[in-house]
C-alpha cells in the first residue's frame, strides 16, 4: 500500500525551484530513515558525517523508527532531535501519528531520504516542511557514478554531492566516511577489560559472530567446519564469539562468548579484537562502525550493496568463493593486523 501511495513522489526531481547560493543557508537538515534495524541505522552514519562536513554549523534531525538511534548517535554533536516512530505502529498508534505530524512542526532547509526505494522515507520527505528536498530518485550526474555508488551507505552521499554540484555549491571531494559509532576512550577501555577476561591478552583475537536473520544465517555444520579450519590456520590467535540478543551460538558455545544487550558495550568489546568475521547482519555493521577490520560473509544479499568497507574490511560471497579462497582472503587481512 505504501509503495502504491508513494510511487510518483519525487520523480520530478529536486531542481525545479532551486536558488541556493551558499552553504550557510543550510542550517537545519532532516535525514529520513524510518527503520528500526541496527544495521540500517548504522549505515546512515556516513551520510550524517557528510552533512556535518559539508554544513559544519547545521543542526540535524533524524526521522527513524525504534529506540536505537539515540544510542547510536549519542556522540554526534550536530544531532538535535531524534523523531522516533514506534517499532509496532498499530500497538502505539497515537505515538505513530504524532511522529509523522512532527514533520510539520519544524522548518528544514534540506530534507533527505536515505534509501531510494523506501516508501516511508520518500513520504516523510514529501510531508516535511523543507525548502529543498532530496527524494533518492534522481539519476546521479555521471561524475558521481563512482564504482561504489551502489553501496547503501554511499549512494545518498553521492546524491547529495550531485545535488549540490547541480546548483553550483562546492562539494566535499573526500571518499565517503566509514560507519562510525564514535566510541569514547572510556568505552574502549571497558571493552578491553571485558575481552581480557575471556582471552589471552598476549595474543591477537579473532571475533566471530555466527548468527544472522533468516536465510542470511549459516548452518551449525557450516560454522563447525569453518571454525575448525580457522583454528588450523591461525593457531596463535584467540577466538571469541559475540552472541546475538537471542543468545544463540552456531558453534554450540564451544569457545568463549560475550553477551550484552547494550550495543555500545558490544561495539566496545569488538573494537578491541583484531578481526571480526560474521555473516551480513547488524552486528557486522557494528564491527565496521567501531573500525575493527571486518570480514562479512554473504550468501543471499549483495556484497556490493552491503559489504563492510574501509579499515581493511571486505565482503566475501561464499557462493562464489570456497573455504580455501576465503582463507586466502583472510590471510591478507589477518596478517596485516
Foldseek 3Di string as FASTA:
>chain_A
DLCVVQVPFQPVDFPPDDDDDALQVFAEEEEEDAEAFLQSLLLQQLVVVQNCVSNVRHAYEYEYEDDCNCQQCVPVVRHDYYQYAYPDCVVVVVSNVVSLVVLAVDEGQEYEQQAQSDSVSSVSQVSHNYNTYHNNPDDADPVLPDPLCLASSRVSSSVVVRVCVVNPYDHDPDPGDWRASPADPVLLVVLVVVVVVFDPPVAAEEEEEQQADDPLGDALVVVVVLVVVVCVVCVRYAYEYEYDPVRDDSPRCPGHYDYDPRLSNLLSNLLRHQEYEYEQGSVQSSSRNSLHAYEYEGAPDDCSHRFHDDSNHGYDDCVVDPSVRVVVSVCVRRVVD
